[in-house]
Amino acid sequence: MTRERLYLFDTTLRDGQQTPGIDFSVEDKTLIASMLDAFGLDYVEGGYPGANPTDTAFFEKKRTKKAAFVAFGMTKRAGVSASNDPGLAALIHAAGDAVCFVAKSWDYHVDVALGISNDENLDCIKASVEATIAAGKEALVDCEHFFDGYKANPAYATACAKTAYEAGARWVVLCDTNGGTLPGEVTRIVGELIEAGIPGRNLGIHAHNDTGQAVANSLAAVEAGVRQIQGTLNGIGERCGNANLVTLIPTLMLKPHYAERFELGIDGDKLTDLTRLSRTFDELLNRNPEHQAPYVGQSAFATKAGIHASALLKDPKTYEHVDPESVGNQRRVMVSDQGGKSNFLNALKRRGIEVAKDDPKLDRLISLVKEREASGYAYEAADASFELLARRTLGRVPDFFEVQSFRVMVERRFDALGNLKTVSEAVVRVIVDGEEILSVAEGQGPVNALDIALRKDLGKFQADIADLELVDYKVRILNGGTEAITRVLIESSDATTDRWWTVGVSDNIIDASFQALMDSVIYKLLKNREQAGRVAAE
């Protein structure tokens, strides 16, 4: 059976840039465009040339090799011819293959936002598309607020879309700009528009996520006949974000309901790079990846309950809708006080630790985890600390160094200029290969000072932790009062972009923090040692 082609249009660099806290540089945009291009997206929308210095500089040359490079902007102004509109000229002359125009398709906006007549708006759409095609570029029209406009005045919204199509636009994109349309409404309205004379092969969908249904609305539009989907990496965008291409792509490629009827421009083997693409993008934005993100999240294929883990060992299909490796992710069987032997055996096996089911050390490990979790530890969230505990219980962790003592001092004082300052200083005494090393450091708070002091000098292991970076620090108070038990979780990373969590628990927040810091450093040293062993074996 011949499959129909679906086209993917990425608007991360334009719509995604409207996300609060995100501001791309030209270098950022260049890198992201190359990532999208290499992955196999059909269109990469780069921004609005002429609107700001960054986008103008970005469009000085084409930034993709295979994907169509798209400039975004307004249709021509009313009362000015296409040939005399400087904004339109900037879009047409920008480097790239296509121009995507945003056009009002809700008569309310035409009146209130543009202050022109409905007919003048239609003329602006028609003239802009024709000028773009005459310049040898592909024209696309984003019909802004299309669904709200259609519900208010279906005749005029349809007229806007038909004007774009009849003028020669390759794609007429239906935008749920406010994000409030529901899947059933999308299905109905797209079907009625196709019946009105615009073929589905020329229609696209641009869904916002304000009701949490941007992906569902995009799929509903495909079912109704549209053949282009717009979205962003990891669903970033203004307000609640846009349709998440990282969720849509594997759904379209792995679910038979879609895969048997449609094909994408993405090679099948590229799909295994999806998790890396998603997490690399978050790393570029200096954001923590969403743990429960579909397909690519750290918890997407995580199982905690013992009965689930037991079934997974027999057949992964019992609790997995797709193979984790198909999207470059991995299965995680989490250990906790809810887990049985199957959880632990699976978790240990995944870490390369072989242990017999009847080994008394396994029973000791299970008992120890449950005891420690009862006192406040959380190993399901601290994978590295669990691995270290398991290896120690089974007698398999080298003594890289020994901490003899540590001390932290916090002083609040006035400096020579009369400014009130708080200074934190830490002293850490370690023994490496029989040699005692004393390190002193100041930091932005006691934990930062401890971290700097601990990693300041580890003798022969110093080079091994040079790329170690602490990327997140979380504190949880487990009961009330200033004497409360405190749990500290620390997330670490290194040059390989691997991430791991460690945990510490104490009635002293500094002690809890130091436990988690210690585990992070030891895990890093162990990780380096195992990697070196694998390289040597190869």
Protein backbone atom coordinates (compact mmCIF):
# COMPACT_ATOMS: atom_id res chain seq x y z
CA MET A 1 0.00 0.00 0.00
CA THR A 2 1.33 3.42 -0.99
CA ARG A 3 1.75 5.68 2.02
CA GLU A 4 0.96 9.38 1.96
CA ARG A 5 3.70 11.86 2.76
CA LEU A 6 3.43 13.99 5.90
CA TYR A 7 5.60 17.10 6.15
CA LEU A 8 7.08 18.41 9.39
CA PHE A 9 7.57 22.13 9.88
CA ASP A 10 9.70 23.17 12.85
CA THR A 11 9.09 26.60 14.36
CA THR A 12 11.39 26.30 17.37
CA LEU A 13 13.58 29.20 16.26
CA ARG A 14 10.63 31.55 15.83
CA ASP A 15 7.61 30.49 17.86
CA GLY A 16 9.79 28.72 20.43
CA GLN A 17 11.78 31.89 20.99
CA GLN A 18 8.66 33.41 22.51
CA THR A 19 9.05 31.06 25.50
CA PRO A 20 9.66 33.05 28.71
CA GLY A 21 13.35 32.88 29.62
CA ILE A 22 14.55 31.81 26.16
CA ASP A 23 16.55 34.17 23.99
CA PHE A 24 18.54 32.61 21.15
CA SER A 25 21.78 34.11 19.85
CA VAL A 26 22.79 33.77 16.20
CA GLU A 27 25.18 31.00 17.25
CA ASP A 28 22.38 29.20 19.13
CA LYS A 29 20.10 29.42 16.12
CA THR A 30 22.79 28.18 13.76
CA LEU A 31 23.48 25.13 15.93
CA ILE A 32 19.80 24.28 16.42
CA ALA A 33 19.06 24.68 12.71
CA SER A 34 21.85 22.24 11.86
CA MET A 35 20.49 19.74 14.42
CA LEU A 36 16.99 19.94 12.95
CA ASP A 37 18.33 19.70 9.41
CA ALA A 38 20.44 16.64 10.19
CA PHE A 39 17.52 14.92 11.92
CA GLY A 40 15.36 15.21 8.81
CA LEU A 41 12.80 17.97 9.36
CA ASP A 42 11.24 19.22 6.11
CA TYR A 43 11.03 22.90 7.06
CA VAL A 44 13.03 24.98 9.52
CA GLU A 45 11.51 28.37 10.25
CA GLY A 46 14.35 30.63 11.32
CA GLY A 47 12.62 33.77 12.55
CA TYR A 48 11.50 37.20 11.35
CA PRO A 49 14.22 38.96 9.31
CA GLY A 50 14.05 42.70 9.74
CA ALA A 51 12.23 42.49 13.08
CA ASN A 52 15.38 42.34 15.24
CA PRO A 53 19.17 42.30 14.75
CA THR A 54 19.53 38.60 15.64
CA ASP A 55 17.05 37.35 13.06
CA THR A 56 18.33 39.77 10.44
CA ALA A 57 21.88 38.47 10.91
CA PHE A 58 20.67 34.87 10.95
CA PHE A 59 19.10 35.30 7.51
CA GLU A 60 22.24 36.68 5.89
CA LYS A 61 22.80 33.19 4.51
CA LYS A 62 20.96 29.90 4.30
CA ARG A 63 21.42 27.81 7.43
CA THR A 64 20.21 24.40 6.25
CA LYS A 65 21.44 21.88 3.68
CA LYS A 66 18.40 19.67 3.13
CA ALA A 67 15.47 21.27 4.93
CA ALA A 68 13.67 24.25 3.43
CA PHE A 69 14.89 27.38 5.24
CA VAL A 70 11.88 29.60 5.98
CA ALA A 71 11.53 33.29 6.79
CA PHE A 72 8.48 34.37 8.77
CA GLY A 73 6.68 37.71 8.71
CA MET A 74 3.55 39.75 8.11
CA THR A 75 1.70 40.08 4.84
CA LYS A 76 2.08 43.40 3.07
CA ARG A 77 0.51 46.50 4.59
CA ALA A 78 -2.87 47.69 3.39
CA GLY A 79 -2.72 50.73 1.11
CA VAL A 80 0.80 49.92 -0.12
CA SER A 81 1.58 47.86 -3.18
CA ALA A 82 3.59 44.66 -2.80
CA SER A 83 6.49 46.15 -4.74
CA ASN A 84 6.68 49.17 -2.39
CA ASP A 85 6.39 47.39 0.97
CA PRO A 86 9.82 47.26 2.68
CA GLY A 87 8.71 44.58 5.14
CA LEU A 88 7.63 42.26 2.36
CA ALA A 89 10.84 42.97 0.47
CA ALA A 90 12.92 42.00 3.50
CA LEU A 91 11.16 38.64 3.69
CA ILE A 92 11.44 37.87 0.00
CA HIS A 93 15.11 38.87 -0.23
CA ALA A 94 16.20 37.08 2.95
CA ALA A 95 18.34 34.00 2.38
CA GLY A 96 16.22 30.90 2.25
CA ASP A 97 13.77 28.84 0.28
CA ALA A 98 10.35 29.95 1.48
CA VAL A 99 8.36 32.64 3.23
CA CYS A 100 5.66 31.93 5.80
CA PHE A 101 3.21 34.79 6.19
CA VAL A 102 1.07 35.29 9.25
CA ALA A 103 -2.36 36.47 8.14
CA LYS A 104 -5.45 37.39 10.13
CA SER A 105 -8.32 34.98 9.50
CA TRP A 106 -10.66 36.13 12.28
CA ASP A 107 -12.67 39.18 11.21
CA TYR A 108 -12.62 40.45 14.79
CA HIS A 109 -8.81 40.73 14.61
CA VAL A 110 -8.92 42.28 11.15
CA ASP A 111 -11.08 45.05 12.55
CA VAL A 112 -9.50 45.50 16.01
CA ALA A 113 -5.83 44.63 15.44
CA LEU A 114 -5.30 45.75 11.83
CA GLY A 115 -8.01 48.38 11.56
CA ILE A 116 -8.70 47.57 7.91
CA SER A 117 -11.62 46.11 5.98
CA ASN A 118 -12.11 42.40 5.42
CA ASP A 119 -11.54 42.81 1.69
CA GLU A 120 -8.31 44.73 2.24
CA ASN A 121 -7.03 41.86 4.40
CA LEU A 122 -7.81 39.38 1.61
CA ASP A 123 -5.95 41.58 -0.87
CA CYS A 124 -2.90 41.68 1.42
CA ILE A 125 -2.84 37.87 1.57
CA LYS A 126 -3.21 37.48 -2.20
CA ALA A 127 -0.61 40.07 -3.15
CA SER A 128 1.98 38.78 -0.65
CA VAL A 129 1.70 35.18 -1.86
CA GLU A 130 1.88 36.20 -5.52
CA ALA A 131 4.96 38.39 -4.93
CA THR A 132 6.75 35.55 -3.15
CA ILE A 133 6.03 33.05 -5.91
CA ALA A 134 7.13 35.59 -8.53
CA ALA A 135 10.45 35.85 -6.69
CA GLY A 136 10.93 32.09 -7.06
CA LYS A 137 10.21 31.10 -3.47
CA GLU A 138 7.65 28.83 -1.86
CA ALA A 139 4.83 30.65 -0.10
CA LEU A 140 3.09 29.50 3.08
CA VAL A 141 0.32 31.28 4.94
CA ASP A 142 -0.33 30.84 8.67
CA CYS A 143 -4.01 31.66 9.12
CA GLU A 144 -3.77 33.13 12.60
CA HIS A 145 -6.67 32.41 14.99
CA PHE A 146 -8.23 30.29 12.25
CA PHE A 147 -10.33 28.02 14.47
CA ASP A 148 -11.65 30.83 16.64
CA GLY A 149 -12.28 32.86 13.50
CA TYR A 150 -14.08 29.97 11.86
CA LYS A 151 -16.33 29.45 14.88
CA ALA A 152 -17.19 33.18 14.84
CA ASN A 153 -17.52 33.66 11.07
CA PRO A 154 -16.93 30.50 9.03
CA ALA A 155 -17.46 32.23 5.69
CA TYR A 156 -14.73 34.80 6.26
CA ALA A 157 -12.19 32.38 7.77
CA THR A 158 -12.76 30.11 4.79
CA ALA A 159 -12.33 33.06 2.42
CA CYS A 160 -8.93 33.85 3.95
CA ALA A 161 -7.74 30.27 3.52
CA LYS A 162 -9.10 30.00 -0.03
CA THR A 163 -7.52 33.31 -1.01
CA ALA A 164 -4.11 32.03 0.07
CA TYR A 165 -4.59 28.70 -1.71
CA GLU A 166 -5.90 30.22 -4.95
CA ALA A 167 -3.04 32.73 -4.99
CA GLY A 168 -0.64 29.77 -5.10
CA ALA A 169 0.37 29.14 -1.49
CA ARG A 170 1.93 25.69 -1.16
CA TRP A 171 0.61 25.40 2.38
CA VAL A 172 -2.34 27.02 4.10
CA VAL A 173 -1.73 26.48 7.80
CA LEU A 174 -4.64 26.47 10.22
CA CYS A 175 -3.55 28.00 13.52
CA ASP A 176 -5.15 27.39 16.90
CA THR A 177 -3.40 30.51 18.17
CA ASN A 178 -5.19 30.74 21.51
CA GLY A 179 -4.90 27.00 22.07
CA GLY A 180 -8.49 26.53 23.18
CA THR A 181 -9.86 24.35 20.37
CA LEU A 182 -10.68 20.70 21.12
CA PRO A 183 -9.83 17.68 18.92
CA GLY A 184 -13.41 17.09 17.87
CA GLU A 185 -13.70 20.69 16.72
CA VAL A 186 -10.46 20.41 14.76
CA THR A 187 -11.73 17.30 12.98
CA ARG A 188 -15.02 18.93 12.05
CA ILE A 189 -13.60 22.27 10.90
CA VAL A 190 -10.78 20.77 8.84
CA GLY A 191 -13.28 18.44 7.16
CA GLU A 192 -15.58 21.34 6.29
CA LEU A 193 -12.67 23.37 4.89
CA ILE A 194 -11.62 20.49 2.64
CA GLU A 195 -15.22 20.17 1.44
CA ALA A 196 -15.10 23.92 0.67
CA GLY A 197 -12.39 23.27 -1.92
CA ILE A 198 -8.94 23.32 -0.30
CA PRO A 199 -7.21 19.93 -0.67
CA GLY A 200 -5.76 18.37 2.46
CA ARG A 201 -2.39 18.05 0.68
CA ASN A 202 -2.17 21.85 0.91
CA LEU A 203 -3.27 22.20 4.52
CA GLY A 204 -1.19 22.37 7.69
CA ILE A 205 -1.91 22.51 11.41
CA HIS A 206 -0.30 24.83 13.98
CA ALA A 207 -1.56 23.95 17.47
CA HIS A 208 -0.84 25.64 20.78
CA ASN A 209 -1.02 23.68 24.01
CA ASP A 210 -3.20 25.82 26.28
CA THR A 211 -5.55 22.92 26.99
CA GLY A 212 -2.76 20.34 26.95
CA GLN A 213 -4.05 18.96 23.63
CA ALA A 214 -1.70 20.38 21.00
CA VAL A 215 -0.41 16.93 20.05
CA ALA A 216 -3.94 15.49 20.06
CA ASN A 217 -5.20 18.39 17.92
CA SER A 218 -2.33 17.88 15.46
CA LEU A 219 -3.18 14.19 15.11
CA ALA A 220 -6.88 15.00 14.77
CA ALA A 221 -6.02 17.37 11.92
CA VAL A 222 -4.00 14.64 10.20
CA GLU A 223 -6.94 12.23 10.52
CA ALA A 224 -9.17 14.90 8.98
CA GLY A 225 -6.84 15.37 6.01
CA VAL A 226 -4.04 17.92 6.65
CA ARG A 227 -0.60 16.86 5.51
CA GLN A 228 1.73 19.32 7.24
CA ILE A 229 2.31 19.56 11.00
CA GLN A 230 3.97 22.52 12.70
CA GLY A 231 5.54 22.28 16.13
CA THR A 232 8.63 22.83 18.25
CA LEU A 233 11.33 20.80 19.95
CA ASN A 234 10.16 19.69 23.40
CA GLY A 235 6.96 21.68 22.89
CA ILE A 236 8.46 25.06 23.84
CA GLY A 237 6.55 28.21 22.95
CA GLU A 238 4.65 31.11 24.43
CA ARG A 239 2.24 30.52 27.31
CA CYS A 240 1.78 26.73 27.53
CA GLY A 241 3.86 25.96 24.47
CA ASN A 242 3.29 24.45 21.03
CA ALA A 243 2.69 20.98 19.65
CA ASN A 244 5.66 18.86 20.69
CA LEU A 245 7.41 17.41 17.64
CA VAL A 246 9.46 15.14 19.90
CA THR A 247 6.19 13.42 20.87
CA LEU A 248 4.55 13.58 17.45
CA ILE A 249 7.45 12.12 15.46
CA PRO A 250 7.69 8.73 17.21
CA THR A 251 3.90 8.47 17.37
CA LEU A 252 3.71 8.89 13.60
CA MET A 253 6.64 6.55 12.93
CA LEU A 254 6.04 3.79 15.49
CA LYS A 255 2.29 3.51 15.87
CA PRO A 256 0.86 1.26 13.09
CA HIS A 257 -2.29 3.38 12.87
CA TYR A 258 -0.14 6.15 11.36
CA ALA A 259 3.00 4.34 10.20
CA GLU A 260 1.05 2.08 7.86
CA ARG A 261 -0.65 5.05 6.16
CA PHE A 262 1.94 7.84 6.27
CA GLU A 263 5.65 8.37 5.82
CA LEU A 264 7.92 11.18 7.01
CA GLY A 265 11.12 12.58 5.60
CA ILE A 266 13.02 11.22 8.60
CA ASP A 267 15.08 8.06 8.06
CA GLY A 268 14.06 5.21 10.32
CA ASP A 269 17.50 4.91 11.89
CA LYS A 270 17.41 8.60 12.85
CA LEU A 271 14.63 7.92 15.32
CA THR A 272 17.13 6.35 17.72
CA ASP A 273 18.72 9.82 18.00
CA LEU A 274 15.46 11.36 19.27
CA THR A 275 16.23 11.21 22.99
CA ARG A 276 19.69 12.66 22.44
CA LEU A 277 18.23 15.46 20.27
CA SER A 278 15.68 16.34 22.95
CA ARG A 279 18.17 16.34 25.82
CA THR A 280 20.88 18.14 23.86
CA PHE A 281 18.37 20.88 23.11
CA ASP A 282 17.48 21.20 26.79
CA GLU A 283 21.18 21.29 27.62
CA LEU A 284 21.64 24.15 25.16
CA LEU A 285 18.81 26.02 26.87
CA ASN A 286 20.33 25.24 30.30
CA ARG A 287 17.09 23.54 31.33
CA ASN A 288 16.57 20.26 33.12
CA PRO A 289 14.93 17.69 30.82
CA GLU A 290 11.35 16.86 31.75
CA HIS A 291 11.53 13.46 33.45
CA GLN A 292 8.02 12.41 32.44
CA ALA A 293 8.18 13.56 28.84
CA PRO A 294 6.65 10.92 26.53
CA TYR A 295 9.18 8.69 24.75
CA VAL A 296 12.33 10.63 25.75
CA GLY A 297 11.89 11.40 29.46
CA GLN A 298 14.04 9.67 32.04
CA SER A 299 10.86 8.18 33.51
CA ALA A 300 9.18 7.36 30.18
CA PHE A 301 10.10 3.69 30.56
CA ALA A 302 10.55 3.57 34.34
CA THR A 303 8.83 0.96 36.47
CA LYS A 304 8.61 1.09 40.24
CA ALA A 305 6.11 -1.52 41.43
CA GLY A 306 7.52 -4.99 41.97
CA ILE A 307 4.72 -6.79 40.13
CA HIS A 308 5.32 -4.63 37.06
CA ALA A 309 9.05 -5.30 37.12
CA SER A 310 8.46 -9.03 37.37
CA ALA A 311 6.27 -8.92 34.28
CA LEU A 312 8.82 -6.77 32.42
CA LEU A 313 11.49 -9.40 32.98
CA LYS A 314 9.22 -11.95 31.32
CA ASP A 315 8.17 -9.74 28.42
CA PRO A 316 8.78 -5.96 28.16
CA LYS A 317 5.56 -5.56 26.17
CA THR A 318 3.58 -6.11 29.35
CA TYR A 319 4.26 -2.53 30.48
CA GLU A 320 5.88 -0.78 27.47
CA HIS A 321 4.00 0.53 24.47
CA VAL A 322 7.18 0.75 22.33
CA ASP A 323 10.77 -0.45 22.65
CA PRO A 324 12.72 2.24 24.60
CA GLU A 325 15.74 1.77 22.34
CA SER A 326 13.65 2.64 19.26
CA VAL A 327 13.77 6.28 20.40
CA GLY A 328 17.24 6.13 21.96
CA ASN A 329 15.93 5.83 25.53
CA GLN A 330 16.34 3.01 28.02
CA ARG A 331 14.30 0.99 30.45
CA ARG A 332 14.57 1.90 34.13
CA VAL A 333 13.42 -0.48 36.82
CA MET A 334 13.46 1.64 39.92
CA VAL A 335 14.35 0.44 43.36
CA SER A 336 12.31 1.57 46.34
CA ASP A 337 10.53 0.25 49.38
CA GLN A 338 7.77 -0.87 47.00
CA GLY A 339 10.09 -3.02 44.92
CA GLY A 340 10.61 -6.77 45.09
CA LYS A 341 13.49 -8.95 43.94
CA SER A 342 12.59 -8.53 40.27
CA ASN A 343 13.10 -4.77 40.50
CA PHE A 344 16.48 -5.18 42.12
CA LEU A 345 17.71 -7.93 39.79
CA ASN A 346 16.68 -5.92 36.75
CA ALA A 347 18.19 -2.70 38.10
CA LEU A 348 21.46 -4.44 38.96
CA LYS A 349 21.65 -6.21 35.61
CA ARG A 350 21.20 -2.95 33.74
CA ARG A 351 24.19 -1.59 35.66
CA GLY A 352 26.30 -4.60 34.77
CA ILE A 353 26.08 -6.14 38.24
CA GLU A 354 25.36 -9.86 38.14
CA VAL A 355 24.01 -11.44 41.30
CA ALA A 356 22.17 -14.69 41.88
CA LYS A 357 18.54 -14.51 42.96
CA ASP A 358 19.31 -16.61 46.03
CA ASP A 359 22.47 -14.71 47.01
CA PRO A 360 22.09 -13.57 50.65
CA LYS A 361 23.82 -10.32 49.71
CA LEU A 362 20.84 -9.50 47.50
CA ASP A 363 18.50 -9.96 50.45
CA ARG A 364 20.79 -7.73 52.50
CA LEU A 365 20.70 -5.03 49.78
CA ILE A 366 16.91 -5.12 49.57
CA SER A 367 16.60 -4.89 53.34
CA LEU A 368 19.12 -2.05 53.47
CA VAL A 369 17.34 -0.01 50.77
CA LYS A 370 14.01 -0.39 52.54
CA GLU A 371 15.52 0.57 55.89
CA ARG A 372 17.23 3.64 54.44
CA GLU A 373 14.16 4.76 52.51
CA ALA A 374 12.16 4.49 55.72
CA SER A 375 14.63 6.94 57.27
CA GLY A 376 14.29 9.41 54.39
CA TYR A 377 16.50 8.29 51.49
CA ALA A 378 14.94 8.20 48.00
CA TYR A 379 16.83 5.83 45.73
CA GLU A 380 14.24 5.87 42.98
CA ALA A 381 15.31 9.48 42.37
CA ALA A 382 19.03 8.91 43.08
CA ASP A 383 20.26 6.30 40.61
CA ALA A 384 23.96 6.89 41.27
CA SER A 385 23.66 6.60 45.04
CA PHE A 386 21.74 3.35 44.61
CA GLU A 387 24.45 1.91 42.37
CA LEU A 388 27.13 2.84 44.90
CA LEU A 389 25.13 1.32 47.75
CA ALA A 390 24.62 -1.86 45.73
CA ARG A 391 28.28 -2.16 44.82
CA ARG A 392 29.35 -1.50 48.42
CA THR A 393 26.94 -4.11 49.72
CA LEU A 394 28.32 -6.58 47.18
CA GLY A 395 31.89 -5.48 47.94
CA ARG A 396 32.75 -3.89 44.62
CA VAL A 397 33.63 -0.18 45.17
CA PRO A 398 37.33 0.84 45.26
CA ASP A 399 38.55 3.09 48.07
CA PHE A 400 39.52 6.04 45.88
CA PHE A 401 40.00 8.38 48.83
CA GLU A 402 39.00 8.74 52.45
CA VAL A 403 37.54 11.84 54.07
CA GLN A 404 39.05 12.31 57.50
CA SER A 405 36.99 15.35 58.42
CA PHE A 406 35.34 18.51 57.15
CA ARG A 407 34.45 21.80 58.74
CA VAL A 408 32.29 24.69 57.53
CA MET A 409 32.29 28.20 58.96
CA VAL A 410 29.75 30.90 58.19
CA GLU A 411 30.56 34.44 59.27
CA ARG A 412 28.31 37.47 58.98
CA ARG A 413 30.26 40.70 59.26
CA PHE A 414 30.74 44.25 58.01
CA ASP A 415 33.57 44.77 55.56
CA ALA A 416 35.95 47.78 55.48
CA LEU A 417 33.37 49.81 53.55
CA GLY A 418 30.62 49.12 56.05
CA ASN A 419 28.74 46.64 53.83
CA LEU A 420 27.15 43.66 55.54
CA LYS A 421 28.46 40.39 54.10
CA THR A 422 28.06 36.69 54.80
CA VAL A 423 31.17 34.62 54.11
CA SER A 424 31.27 30.80 53.96
CA GLU A 425 34.51 28.86 54.28
CA ALA A 426 35.01 25.09 54.21
CA VAL A 427 37.96 22.90 55.16
CA VAL A 428 38.13 19.29 53.93
CA ARG A 429 40.80 16.79 54.97
CA VAL A 430 41.19 13.72 52.70
CA ILE A 431 43.67 10.87 52.36
CA VAL A 432 44.68 9.70 48.88
CA ASP A 433 47.20 6.86 48.57
CA GLY A 434 48.25 7.37 52.18
CA GLU A 435 48.87 11.08 51.67
CA GLU A 436 46.87 13.59 53.68
CA ILE A 437 45.55 16.54 51.69
CA LEU A 438 44.01 19.63 53.28
CA SER A 439 41.85 21.88 51.11
CA VAL A 440 40.31 25.22 52.07
CA ALA A 441 37.79 27.16 49.96
CA GLU A 442 35.28 29.99 50.14
CA GLY A 443 31.97 29.79 48.34
CA GLN A 444 28.55 31.27 47.80
CA GLY A 445 27.11 29.57 50.86
CA PRO A 446 28.32 26.62 52.93
CA VAL A 447 27.42 23.88 50.44
CA ASN A 448 29.16 25.63 47.58
CA ALA A 449 32.24 26.11 49.76
CA LEU A 450 32.21 22.40 50.67
CA ASP A 451 31.85 21.40 47.04
CA ILE A 452 34.81 23.56 45.98
CA ALA A 453 36.98 22.35 48.87
CA LEU A 454 36.20 18.67 48.28
CA ARG A 455 37.05 18.87 44.58
CA LYS A 456 39.97 21.27 44.96
CA ASP A 457 42.65 18.59 45.34
CA LEU A 458 42.10 14.85 45.06
CA GLY A 459 45.69 14.07 44.21
CA LYS A 460 46.04 11.60 41.34
CA PHE A 461 42.26 11.65 40.76
CA GLN A 462 42.04 15.41 40.19
CA ALA A 463 42.13 15.15 36.41
CA ASP A 464 39.31 12.57 36.49
CA ILE A 465 36.86 15.05 38.01
CA ALA A 466 37.88 18.08 35.95
CA ASP A 467 34.69 17.90 33.84
CA LEU A 468 32.38 17.11 36.77
CA GLU A 469 29.63 19.69 37.10
CA LEU A 470 26.83 19.99 39.65
CA VAL A 471 23.76 21.09 37.70
CA ASP A 472 20.94 20.92 40.26
CA TYR A 473 20.52 20.93 44.03
CA LYS A 474 17.25 20.15 45.80
CA VAL A 475 16.41 20.19 49.50
CA ARG A 476 13.38 18.51 51.04
CA ILE A 477 12.40 18.89 54.69
CA LEU A 478 10.93 15.56 55.80
CA ASN A 479 9.37 16.70 59.06
CA GLY A 480 8.73 19.95 60.88
CA GLY A 481 10.93 22.18 63.00
CA THR A 482 14.47 23.51 62.76
CA GLU A 483 15.74 20.11 63.91
CA ALA A 484 13.97 18.38 60.98
CA ILE A 485 15.39 15.51 58.96
CA THR A 486 16.58 16.91 55.62
CA ARG A 487 16.98 15.12 52.29
CA VAL A 488 19.32 16.58 49.69
CA LEU A 489 19.33 15.52 46.04
CA ILE A 490 22.16 16.61 43.75
CA GLU A 491 22.21 16.20 39.97
CA SER A 492 25.61 16.01 38.32
CA SER A 493 26.89 15.87 34.76
CA ASP A 494 30.15 15.60 32.87
CA ALA A 495 31.58 16.11 29.37
CA THR A 496 29.74 13.03 28.09
CA THR A 497 26.44 14.83 28.94
CA ASP A 498 25.50 11.87 31.17
CA ARG A 499 23.49 12.94 34.23
CA TRP A 500 23.16 11.23 37.57
CA TRP A 501 21.49 11.91 40.92
CA THR A 502 22.88 11.34 44.39
CA VAL A 503 21.18 11.61 47.77
CA GLY A 504 22.07 12.44 51.37
CA VAL A 505 19.89 12.44 54.50
CA SER A 506 20.63 13.90 57.93
CA ASP A 507 19.22 16.14 60.61
CA ASN A 508 22.03 18.50 59.53
CA ILE A 509 21.59 20.00 56.07
CA ILE A 510 25.35 20.42 55.62
CA ASP A 511 25.99 16.77 56.45
CA ALA A 512 23.21 15.63 54.08
CA SER A 513 24.69 17.81 51.34
CA PHE A 514 28.17 16.42 51.92
CA GLN A 515 26.90 12.84 51.64
CA ALA A 516 25.37 13.63 48.24
CA LEU A 517 28.52 15.50 47.13
CA MET A 518 30.71 12.55 48.13
CA ASP A 519 28.56 10.08 46.23
CA SER A 520 28.65 12.29 43.14
CA VAL A 521 32.45 12.41 43.11
CA ILE A 522 32.87 8.69 43.81
CA TYR A 523 30.33 7.78 41.13
CA LYS A 524 32.21 9.93 38.64
CA LEU A 525 35.52 8.20 39.47
CA LEU A 526 33.88 4.78 39.19
CA LYS A 527 32.26 5.76 35.89
CA ASN A 528 35.60 6.90 34.45
CA ARG A 529 37.27 3.68 35.56
CA GLU A 530 34.63 1.50 33.91
CA GLN A 531 34.77 3.52 30.69
CA ALA A 532 38.54 3.19 30.60
CA GLY A 533 38.16 -0.57 31.08
CA ARG A 534 35.74 -0.82 28.16
CA VAL A 535 38.09 1.14 25.90
CA ALA A 536 41.00 -1.10 26.88
CA ALA A 537 38.91 -4.20 26.16
CA GLU A 538 38.09 -2.92 22.70
